[in-house]
Each structure stands twice: as C-alpha cells, then as structure tokens.
Amino acid sequence: MTLTFAQYSILKATIRGVTYRQLEQETSFNHLIINYYIKGLLAIGLIKKGTETSSYQLTDEGENCIDEYERANPALIIKPDSN
C-alpha cells in the first residue's frame, strides 16, 4: 500500500498507542486532518481503537506499511524524540 506522509505520520504516532490529544500534539495536524485520516486508517485496518475509546493503536498491518514506507522514502523517516 502506498501511504501519504500524513498517513505515515499518524501511523508513527500510534506505535506506542496514543490518545486523540496526543495525536494532535505529536503530528501538529488540526482536528479535521486527524479525523479524516483516522477514519481511513481504521477502515483499512492499519490502526485500531484502544481500550480507551479515544485511544488508537497500530496494527501489525500498519507496522508493515510503516516499514514499506521507510524503505521507499528514507529521506522522510520520522525519527523518535530523544526526550
């Protein structure tokens, strides 16, 4: 599957499981963009809702898509914060 950078950014943010608010902070996207991409990523099974209703987690398929994206776009890899 070919991901956009926005989809990739959201998938990377969900690696550890995040709330909606954390997605806003980690991606710096506004709520319209986040809502749009979350609906699509949920529909195709790349993320899933966590135990809390407003949390999201990466699926195995989502992890595979991240790996494919990073192999195809090494200059666009999002590095984890060192904090």
Protein backbone atom coordinates (compact mmCIF):
# COMPACT_ATOMS: atom_id res chain seq x y z
CA MET A 1 0.00 0.00 0.00
CA THR A 2 1.23 3.48 -0.78
CA LEU A 3 0.99 5.86 2.16
CA THR A 4 0.91 9.62 2.15
CA PHE A 5 3.23 11.46 4.51
CA ALA A 6 0.21 12.40 6.67
CA GLN A 7 -0.86 8.76 6.97
CA TYR A 8 2.70 7.76 7.79
CA SER A 9 2.91 10.50 10.46
CA ILE A 10 -0.23 9.28 12.16
CA LEU A 11 0.87 5.64 12.00
CA LYS A 12 4.25 6.54 13.52
CA ALA A 13 2.48 8.40 16.33
CA THR A 14 0.34 5.34 17.15
CA ILE A 15 3.26 2.93 17.58
CA ARG A 16 3.08 3.23 21.38
CA GLY A 17 -0.67 3.80 21.48
CA VAL A 18 -1.91 7.36 21.75
CA THR A 19 -4.96 9.35 22.66
CA TYR A 20 -6.54 11.75 20.21
CA ARG A 21 -4.97 14.70 22.06
CA GLN A 22 -1.51 13.09 21.85
CA LEU A 23 -2.02 12.63 18.10
CA GLU A 24 -2.68 16.34 17.78
CA GLN A 25 0.48 17.14 19.73
CA GLU A 26 2.74 14.62 18.00
CA THR A 27 1.65 15.39 14.44
CA SER A 28 0.77 19.09 14.75
CA PHE A 29 -2.21 18.38 12.46
CA ASN A 30 -5.55 20.06 13.09
CA HIS A 31 -8.60 18.04 14.11
CA LEU A 32 -10.08 17.98 10.58
CA ILE A 33 -6.98 16.34 9.14
CA ILE A 34 -6.67 13.90 12.03
CA ASN A 35 -10.34 12.91 11.81
CA TYR A 36 -10.09 12.39 8.05
CA TYR A 37 -7.02 10.17 8.24
CA ILE A 38 -8.09 8.25 11.35
CA LYS A 39 -11.36 7.23 9.69
CA GLY A 40 -9.47 5.94 6.66
CA LEU A 41 -6.75 4.17 8.65
CA LEU A 42 -9.37 2.49 10.86
CA ALA A 43 -11.38 1.41 7.81
CA ILE A 44 -8.41 -0.30 6.16
CA GLY A 45 -7.17 -1.87 9.40
CA LEU A 46 -3.85 -0.06 9.85
CA ILE A 47 -4.85 1.25 13.27
CA LYS A 48 -7.44 0.14 15.80
CA LYS A 49 -9.21 1.73 18.72
CA GLY A 50 -7.54 1.02 22.03
CA THR A 51 -9.17 0.03 25.29
CA GLU A 52 -9.97 3.67 25.92
CA THR A 53 -12.47 4.93 23.35
CA SER A 54 -10.28 7.88 22.38
CA SER A 55 -7.03 5.95 22.04
CA TYR A 56 -5.52 4.39 18.94
CA GLN A 57 -3.02 1.60 18.41
CA LEU A 58 -1.02 0.44 15.43
CA THR A 59 -1.92 -2.96 13.97
CA ASP A 60 0.56 -5.46 12.54
CA GLU A 61 -0.52 -4.43 9.04
CA GLY A 62 0.07 -0.79 9.99
CA GLU A 63 3.56 -1.67 11.16
CA ASN A 64 4.25 -3.40 7.83
CA CYS A 65 3.12 -0.27 5.99
CA ILE A 66 5.48 1.88 8.06
CA ASP A 67 8.37 -0.45 7.17
CA GLU A 68 7.49 -0.30 3.46
CA TYR A 69 7.18 3.49 3.54
CA GLU A 70 10.54 3.92 5.28
CA ARG A 71 12.31 1.61 2.81
CA ALA A 72 10.85 3.55 -0.13
CA ASN A 73 11.36 7.03 1.40
CA PRO A 74 14.47 7.02 3.62
CA ALA A 75 14.77 10.82 3.49
CA LEU A 76 11.29 11.21 5.01
CA ILE A 77 11.68 8.93 8.03
CA ILE A 78 10.37 10.43 11.24
CA LYS A 79 12.92 9.84 13.99
CA PRO A 80 11.65 9.34 17.57
CA ASP A 81 12.19 12.15 20.04
CA SER A 82 15.23 11.62 22.23
CA ASN A 83 13.47 13.17 25.26
